[in-house]
Amino acid sequence: MKIYYLFTSLLFAALLCVSCDNDDINTSSRPPVFESLTLTPNNVKAGENVKAVVKYSYAGKDIYKSDYRISISKGADYRVTYDWTVVDPTKSEPEYSFNAPEEAGTYEVVFRANKINYSSHGPNGELYGNANSVNAILRVY
């Protein structure tokens, strides 16, 4: 009789594990989709402060934190990057302030998420995701 109860208990536990498939929960995270990058002002004096704001098309889902990067470049002559981390990045659109380059000219500013840490598994079961980049032009005089 003890073997019967043991067998029944094990069978019940096995059925419970099979019926409690957590694939939907484990793969619920989604990366963000960035729509645009706005620089304010985008025509600026050398060295003045510029605010960069990224607009979401979709903020993402179940993201713990994101590592962001803004790169400012002018051909092969000039390139500078700024990195920062935001915990719970879906609460607000990414933004960052920086000083414009000291030399006049037209610069390309690119925003990207270097690493997106999902709080559950991503669409293909991954722990980290990535997203599209967005860019804008900065004119320094």
N, C-alpha and C. Protein backbone atom coordinates (compact mmCIF):
# COMPACT_ATOMS: atom_id res chain seq x y z
N MET A 1 0.82 -1.19 0.00
CA MET A 1 0.00 0.00 0.00
C MET A 1 0.87 1.27 0.00
N LYS A 2 2.01 1.20 0.73
CA LYS A 2 2.90 2.37 0.76
C LYS A 2 3.46 2.66 -0.63
N ILE A 3 3.76 1.61 -1.38
CA ILE A 3 4.30 1.80 -2.71
C ILE A 3 3.25 2.46 -3.61
N TYR A 4 2.01 2.09 -3.46
CA TYR A 4 0.92 2.68 -4.23
C TYR A 4 0.83 4.18 -3.98
N TYR A 5 0.87 4.59 -2.71
CA TYR A 5 0.80 6.02 -2.37
C TYR A 5 2.04 6.77 -2.87
N LEU A 6 3.20 6.14 -2.75
CA LEU A 6 4.43 6.76 -3.24
C LEU A 6 4.36 6.93 -4.76
N PHE A 7 3.93 5.89 -5.47
CA PHE A 7 3.80 5.96 -6.92
C PHE A 7 2.79 7.02 -7.33
N THR A 8 1.66 7.07 -6.66
CA THR A 8 0.62 8.04 -6.96
C THR A 8 1.13 9.46 -6.72
N SER A 9 1.85 9.66 -5.63
CA SER A 9 2.40 10.99 -5.31
C SER A 9 3.41 11.43 -6.36
N LEU A 10 4.28 10.51 -6.77
CA LEU A 10 5.27 10.85 -7.79
C LEU A 10 4.60 11.15 -9.13
N LEU A 11 3.59 10.37 -9.48
CA LEU A 11 2.87 10.61 -10.72
C LEU A 11 2.17 11.96 -10.70
N PHE A 12 1.56 12.31 -9.58
CA PHE A 12 0.90 13.61 -9.43
C PHE A 12 1.91 14.74 -9.55
N ALA A 13 3.06 14.59 -8.91
CA ALA A 13 4.10 15.64 -8.98
C ALA A 13 4.59 15.82 -10.41
N ALA A 14 4.78 14.70 -11.13
CA ALA A 14 5.24 14.79 -12.51
C ALA A 14 4.20 15.48 -13.39
N LEU A 15 2.93 15.14 -13.22
CA LEU A 15 1.86 15.78 -13.99
C LEU A 15 1.76 17.26 -13.66
N LEU A 16 1.95 17.61 -12.40
CA LEU A 16 1.90 19.01 -11.99
C LEU A 16 3.02 19.80 -12.66
N CYS A 17 4.22 19.23 -12.72
CA CYS A 17 5.35 19.91 -13.38
C CYS A 17 5.09 20.11 -14.86
N VAL A 18 4.54 19.12 -15.52
CA VAL A 18 4.26 19.22 -16.95
C VAL A 18 3.16 20.25 -17.21
N SER A 19 2.14 20.27 -16.36
CA SER A 19 1.02 21.20 -16.60
C SER A 19 1.36 22.64 -16.22
N CYS A 20 2.39 22.85 -15.44
CA CYS A 20 2.78 24.21 -15.02
C CYS A 20 3.92 24.71 -15.88
N ASP A 21 3.76 24.63 -17.17
CA ASP A 21 4.77 25.10 -18.11
C ASP A 21 4.85 26.61 -18.04
N ASN A 22 6.04 27.15 -17.72
CA ASN A 22 6.22 28.59 -17.53
C ASN A 22 6.84 29.27 -18.74
N ASP A 23 6.75 28.65 -19.92
CA ASP A 23 7.36 29.27 -21.10
C ASP A 23 6.83 30.66 -21.38
N ASP A 24 5.52 30.88 -21.19
CA ASP A 24 4.96 32.20 -21.46
C ASP A 24 5.52 33.24 -20.51
N ILE A 25 5.71 32.87 -19.25
CA ILE A 25 6.25 33.80 -18.26
C ILE A 25 7.73 34.02 -18.50
N ASN A 26 8.47 32.95 -18.78
CA ASN A 26 9.92 33.05 -18.91
C ASN A 26 10.35 33.79 -20.17
N THR A 27 9.49 33.91 -21.14
CA THR A 27 9.88 34.60 -22.37
C THR A 27 9.01 35.84 -22.62
N SER A 28 8.61 36.49 -21.54
CA SER A 28 7.72 37.64 -21.69
C SER A 28 8.44 38.95 -21.97
N SER A 29 9.74 39.02 -21.73
CA SER A 29 10.47 40.28 -21.94
C SER A 29 10.55 40.64 -23.41
N ARG A 30 10.51 41.94 -23.67
CA ARG A 30 10.61 42.45 -25.04
C ARG A 30 11.54 43.66 -25.04
N PRO A 31 12.39 43.78 -26.08
CA PRO A 31 13.27 44.95 -26.16
C PRO A 31 12.49 46.20 -26.55
N PRO A 32 13.04 47.37 -26.25
CA PRO A 32 12.39 48.61 -26.68
C PRO A 32 12.60 48.84 -28.17
N VAL A 33 11.77 49.73 -28.71
CA VAL A 33 11.96 50.22 -30.08
C VAL A 33 12.07 51.74 -29.97
N PHE A 34 13.21 52.26 -30.40
CA PHE A 34 13.44 53.70 -30.33
C PHE A 34 12.98 54.35 -31.63
N GLU A 35 12.25 55.46 -31.49
CA GLU A 35 11.70 56.15 -32.67
C GLU A 35 12.61 57.25 -33.16
N SER A 36 13.08 58.11 -32.24
CA SER A 36 13.87 59.26 -32.68
C SER A 36 14.74 59.79 -31.54
N LEU A 37 15.73 60.57 -31.92
CA LEU A 37 16.62 61.27 -30.99
C LEU A 37 16.47 62.76 -31.25
N THR A 38 16.16 63.52 -30.19
CA THR A 38 16.02 64.97 -30.31
C THR A 38 17.11 65.64 -29.48
N LEU A 39 17.81 66.59 -30.11
CA LEU A 39 18.85 67.36 -29.42
C LEU A 39 18.34 68.77 -29.22
N THR A 40 18.45 69.26 -27.98
CA THR A 40 17.98 70.60 -27.66
C THR A 40 19.09 71.38 -26.97
N PRO A 41 19.58 72.44 -27.60
CA PRO A 41 19.35 72.85 -28.99
C PRO A 41 20.17 71.98 -29.94
N ASN A 42 19.81 71.98 -31.20
CA ASN A 42 20.61 71.23 -32.17
C ASN A 42 21.54 72.14 -32.97
N ASN A 43 21.38 73.46 -32.82
CA ASN A 43 22.35 74.46 -33.28
C ASN A 43 22.87 75.15 -32.03
N VAL A 44 24.13 74.93 -31.70
CA VAL A 44 24.63 75.33 -30.40
C VAL A 44 26.04 75.92 -30.52
N LYS A 45 26.36 76.81 -29.59
CA LYS A 45 27.72 77.34 -29.51
C LYS A 45 28.65 76.26 -28.95
N ALA A 46 29.90 76.32 -29.36
CA ALA A 46 30.90 75.36 -28.89
C ALA A 46 30.94 75.32 -27.36
N GLY A 47 30.94 74.14 -26.80
CA GLY A 47 31.04 73.96 -25.35
C GLY A 47 29.75 74.09 -24.57
N GLU A 48 28.67 74.55 -25.21
CA GLU A 48 27.40 74.72 -24.48
C GLU A 48 26.73 73.37 -24.25
N ASN A 49 25.80 73.36 -23.28
CA ASN A 49 25.10 72.15 -22.89
C ASN A 49 24.03 71.77 -23.91
N VAL A 50 23.94 70.47 -24.20
CA VAL A 50 22.95 69.92 -25.12
C VAL A 50 22.21 68.81 -24.38
N LYS A 51 20.90 68.79 -24.52
CA LYS A 51 20.09 67.73 -23.93
C LYS A 51 19.62 66.80 -25.03
N ALA A 52 19.89 65.51 -24.87
CA ALA A 52 19.47 64.49 -25.83
C ALA A 52 18.33 63.69 -25.22
N VAL A 53 17.21 63.59 -25.93
CA VAL A 53 16.04 62.83 -25.47
C VAL A 53 15.66 61.84 -26.57
N VAL A 54 15.48 60.60 -26.16
CA VAL A 54 15.09 59.55 -27.10
C VAL A 54 13.61 59.26 -26.91
N LYS A 55 12.89 59.23 -28.02
CA LYS A 55 11.46 58.92 -27.97
C LYS A 55 11.27 57.43 -28.27
N TYR A 56 10.45 56.79 -27.44
CA TYR A 56 10.12 55.38 -27.66
C TYR A 56 8.99 55.24 -28.68
N SER A 57 9.09 54.24 -29.52
CA SER A 57 7.94 53.74 -30.27
C SER A 57 7.25 52.70 -29.38
N TYR A 58 8.10 51.93 -28.69
CA TYR A 58 7.66 50.93 -27.73
C TYR A 58 8.70 50.88 -26.62
N ALA A 59 8.29 51.02 -25.37
CA ALA A 59 9.24 51.13 -24.25
C ALA A 59 9.87 49.81 -23.86
N GLY A 60 9.34 48.70 -24.34
CA GLY A 60 9.87 47.40 -23.94
C GLY A 60 9.05 46.83 -22.78
N LYS A 61 9.36 45.60 -22.42
CA LYS A 61 8.61 44.93 -21.35
C LYS A 61 9.55 44.08 -20.52
N ASP A 62 9.36 44.11 -19.21
CA ASP A 62 10.14 43.29 -18.26
C ASP A 62 11.64 43.51 -18.42
N ILE A 63 12.05 44.77 -18.41
CA ILE A 63 13.47 45.11 -18.52
C ILE A 63 13.94 45.61 -17.15
N TYR A 64 15.00 44.99 -16.65
CA TYR A 64 15.55 45.37 -15.35
C TYR A 64 16.40 46.64 -15.46
N LYS A 65 17.35 46.64 -16.38
CA LYS A 65 18.18 47.83 -16.58
C LYS A 65 18.76 47.82 -17.98
N SER A 66 19.19 49.00 -18.42
CA SER A 66 19.80 49.16 -19.74
C SER A 66 21.07 49.98 -19.63
N ASP A 67 22.07 49.59 -20.40
CA ASP A 67 23.31 50.36 -20.54
C ASP A 67 23.21 51.11 -21.86
N TYR A 68 23.28 52.42 -21.78
CA TYR A 68 23.13 53.27 -22.96
C TYR A 68 24.45 53.91 -23.36
N ARG A 69 24.53 54.33 -24.63
CA ARG A 69 25.71 55.04 -25.14
C ARG A 69 25.28 56.09 -26.14
N ILE A 70 25.86 57.28 -25.99
CA ILE A 70 25.74 58.33 -27.00
C ILE A 70 27.14 58.53 -27.58
N SER A 71 27.22 58.48 -28.90
CA SER A 71 28.48 58.73 -29.61
C SER A 71 28.33 59.99 -30.44
N ILE A 72 29.32 60.86 -30.34
CA ILE A 72 29.34 62.09 -31.12
C ILE A 72 30.56 62.02 -32.02
N SER A 73 30.34 62.17 -33.34
CA SER A 73 31.46 62.03 -34.25
C SER A 73 31.38 63.06 -35.38
N LYS A 74 32.56 63.34 -35.90
CA LYS A 74 32.70 64.24 -37.06
C LYS A 74 33.74 63.59 -37.96
N GLY A 75 33.26 62.74 -38.86
CA GLY A 75 34.17 61.99 -39.72
C GLY A 75 35.11 61.13 -38.89
N ALA A 76 36.33 60.97 -39.38
CA ALA A 76 37.33 60.19 -38.65
C ALA A 76 38.13 61.07 -37.69
N ASP A 77 37.90 62.39 -37.73
CA ASP A 77 38.71 63.33 -36.94
C ASP A 77 38.29 63.41 -35.47
N TYR A 78 37.03 63.18 -35.19
CA TYR A 78 36.54 63.43 -33.83
C TYR A 78 35.50 62.37 -33.46
N ARG A 79 35.67 61.80 -32.28
CA ARG A 79 34.68 60.85 -31.75
C ARG A 79 34.79 60.84 -30.23
N VAL A 80 33.63 61.02 -29.58
CA VAL A 80 33.58 60.93 -28.12
C VAL A 80 32.32 60.14 -27.76
N THR A 81 32.39 59.36 -26.68
CA THR A 81 31.23 58.58 -26.26
C THR A 81 30.92 58.84 -24.79
N TYR A 82 29.65 58.74 -24.46
CA TYR A 82 29.17 58.86 -23.09
C TYR A 82 28.34 57.61 -22.79
N ASP A 83 28.64 56.93 -21.68
CA ASP A 83 27.92 55.73 -21.27
C ASP A 83 27.23 55.97 -19.94
N TRP A 84 26.05 55.39 -19.76
CA TRP A 84 25.34 55.44 -18.49
C TRP A 84 24.38 54.27 -18.38
N THR A 85 23.94 53.99 -17.17
CA THR A 85 23.03 52.88 -16.90
C THR A 85 21.77 53.40 -16.25
N VAL A 86 20.62 52.84 -16.65
CA VAL A 86 19.33 53.21 -16.07
C VAL A 86 18.64 51.94 -15.58
N VAL A 87 18.25 51.93 -14.31
CA VAL A 87 17.47 50.82 -13.76
C VAL A 87 16.00 51.11 -14.03
N ASP A 88 15.27 50.11 -14.45
CA ASP A 88 13.85 50.20 -14.81
C ASP A 88 13.64 51.27 -15.90
N PRO A 89 14.27 51.09 -17.05
CA PRO A 89 14.25 52.12 -18.09
C PRO A 89 12.91 52.34 -18.79
N THR A 90 11.93 51.48 -18.56
CA THR A 90 10.65 51.67 -19.25
C THR A 90 9.80 52.75 -18.62
N LYS A 91 10.19 53.26 -17.44
CA LYS A 91 9.40 54.28 -16.74
C LYS A 91 9.46 55.65 -17.42
N SER A 92 10.57 55.94 -18.12
CA SER A 92 10.68 57.22 -18.81
C SER A 92 11.61 57.07 -20.01
N GLU A 93 11.47 57.98 -20.95
CA GLU A 93 12.31 57.93 -22.15
C GLU A 93 13.75 58.27 -21.78
N PRO A 94 14.73 57.63 -22.43
CA PRO A 94 16.12 57.91 -22.12
C PRO A 94 16.49 59.36 -22.42
N GLU A 95 17.28 59.95 -21.53
CA GLU A 95 17.79 61.30 -21.78
C GLU A 95 19.16 61.46 -21.16
N TYR A 96 19.94 62.37 -21.73
CA TYR A 96 21.30 62.60 -21.27
C TYR A 96 21.71 64.01 -21.69
N SER A 97 22.47 64.69 -20.85
CA SER A 97 22.99 66.02 -21.17
C SER A 97 24.51 65.94 -21.32
N PHE A 98 25.03 66.67 -22.29
CA PHE A 98 26.47 66.70 -22.53
C PHE A 98 26.85 68.06 -23.08
N ASN A 99 28.14 68.37 -23.06
CA ASN A 99 28.64 69.62 -23.62
C ASN A 99 29.00 69.41 -25.09
N ALA A 100 28.61 70.37 -25.92
CA ALA A 100 28.93 70.32 -27.34
C ALA A 100 30.44 70.36 -27.53
N PRO A 101 30.93 69.78 -28.63
CA PRO A 101 32.37 69.86 -28.91
C PRO A 101 32.85 71.30 -28.99
N GLU A 102 34.14 71.49 -28.78
CA GLU A 102 34.74 72.83 -28.77
C GLU A 102 35.01 73.36 -30.17
N GLU A 103 34.99 72.51 -31.16
CA GLU A 103 35.28 72.93 -32.53
C GLU A 103 33.98 73.02 -33.34
N ALA A 104 33.84 74.12 -34.10
CA ALA A 104 32.64 74.30 -34.93
C ALA A 104 32.59 73.22 -36.00
N GLY A 105 31.37 72.88 -36.39
CA GLY A 105 31.18 71.89 -37.45
C GLY A 105 29.87 71.15 -37.29
N THR A 106 29.65 70.20 -38.17
CA THR A 106 28.45 69.37 -38.15
C THR A 106 28.83 67.99 -37.62
N TYR A 107 28.14 67.54 -36.59
CA TYR A 107 28.43 66.28 -35.92
C TYR A 107 27.23 65.34 -36.00
N GLU A 108 27.52 64.06 -36.08
CA GLU A 108 26.47 63.05 -35.99
C GLU A 108 26.44 62.53 -34.55
N VAL A 109 25.24 62.49 -33.98
CA VAL A 109 25.05 61.97 -32.63
C VAL A 109 24.21 60.70 -32.75
N VAL A 110 24.74 59.60 -32.21
CA VAL A 110 24.06 58.30 -32.29
C VAL A 110 23.79 57.80 -30.88
N PHE A 111 22.55 57.39 -30.64
CA PHE A 111 22.15 56.79 -29.37
C PHE A 111 21.88 55.31 -29.60
N ARG A 112 22.39 54.47 -28.66
CA ARG A 112 22.10 53.04 -28.72
C ARG A 112 22.09 52.44 -27.32
N ALA A 113 21.41 51.33 -27.20
CA ALA A 113 21.43 50.55 -25.96
C ALA A 113 22.50 49.48 -26.15
N ASN A 114 23.57 49.58 -25.38
CA ASN A 114 24.64 48.59 -25.49
C ASN A 114 24.23 47.25 -24.92
N LYS A 115 23.47 47.27 -23.84
CA LYS A 115 23.06 46.03 -23.18
C LYS A 115 21.72 46.26 -22.50
N ILE A 116 20.77 45.38 -22.77
CA ILE A 116 19.46 45.43 -22.13
C ILE A 116 19.34 44.18 -21.28
N ASN A 117 19.21 44.36 -19.97
CA ASN A 117 19.08 43.22 -19.05
C ASN A 117 17.61 42.94 -18.81
N TYR A 118 17.14 41.79 -19.28
CA TYR A 118 15.75 41.41 -19.07
C TYR A 118 15.55 40.92 -17.64
N SER A 119 14.37 41.18 -17.07
CA SER A 119 14.05 40.66 -15.74
C SER A 119 13.46 39.26 -15.84
N SER A 120 13.02 38.86 -17.02
CA SER A 120 12.69 37.46 -17.31
C SER A 120 13.35 37.17 -18.64
N HIS A 121 13.17 36.00 -19.19
CA HIS A 121 13.83 35.68 -20.46
C HIS A 121 13.18 36.44 -21.61
N GLY A 122 14.01 36.77 -22.61
CA GLY A 122 13.53 37.50 -23.77
C GLY A 122 12.77 36.62 -24.75
N PRO A 123 12.41 37.16 -25.90
CA PRO A 123 11.57 36.47 -26.87
C PRO A 123 12.12 35.10 -27.29
N ASN A 124 13.43 34.95 -27.35
CA ASN A 124 14.04 33.68 -27.75
C ASN A 124 14.74 33.01 -26.58
N GLY A 125 14.32 33.35 -25.35
CA GLY A 125 14.91 32.75 -24.16
C GLY A 125 16.20 33.40 -23.70
N GLU A 126 16.60 34.52 -24.33
CA GLU A 126 17.86 35.16 -23.98
C GLU A 126 17.72 36.02 -22.71
N LEU A 127 18.86 36.25 -22.04
CA LEU A 127 18.88 37.07 -20.83
C LEU A 127 19.14 38.54 -21.14
N TYR A 128 19.80 38.81 -22.27
CA TYR A 128 20.14 40.17 -22.66
C TYR A 128 19.60 40.43 -24.06
N GLY A 129 19.18 41.67 -24.29
CA GLY A 129 18.64 42.01 -25.59
C GLY A 129 19.34 43.22 -26.18
N ASN A 130 18.94 43.59 -27.36
CA ASN A 130 19.45 44.81 -27.99
C ASN A 130 18.30 45.49 -28.71
N ALA A 131 18.56 46.69 -29.15
CA ALA A 131 17.52 47.49 -29.80
C ALA A 131 18.15 48.28 -30.94
N ASN A 132 17.29 48.90 -31.73
CA ASN A 132 17.76 49.73 -32.83
C ASN A 132 18.46 50.99 -32.28
N SER A 133 19.27 51.60 -33.11
CA SER A 133 19.89 52.88 -32.74
C SER A 133 19.14 54.01 -33.44
N VAL A 134 19.26 55.22 -32.90
CA VAL A 134 18.68 56.41 -33.53
C VAL A 134 19.76 57.49 -33.57
N ASN A 135 19.65 58.41 -34.52
CA ASN A 135 20.67 59.44 -34.63
C ASN A 135 20.06 60.80 -34.94
N ALA A 136 20.88 61.82 -34.76
CA ALA A 136 20.49 63.20 -35.04
C ALA A 136 21.75 63.98 -35.41
N ILE A 137 21.55 65.15 -36.00
CA ILE A 137 22.66 66.03 -36.41
C ILE A 137 22.78 67.18 -35.40
N LEU A 138 24.00 67.44 -34.99
CA LEU A 138 24.30 68.56 -34.10
C LEU A 138 25.19 69.54 -34.85
N ARG A 139 24.75 70.80 -34.93
CA ARG A 139 25.55 71.84 -35.59
C ARG A 139 26.16 72.75 -34.51
N VAL A 140 27.46 72.82 -34.52
CA VAL A 140 28.18 73.62 -33.53
C VAL A 140 28.80 74.81 -34.26
N TYR A 141 28.59 76.03 -33.68
CA TYR A 141 29.18 77.24 -34.29
C TYR A 141 30.00 77.99 -33.27
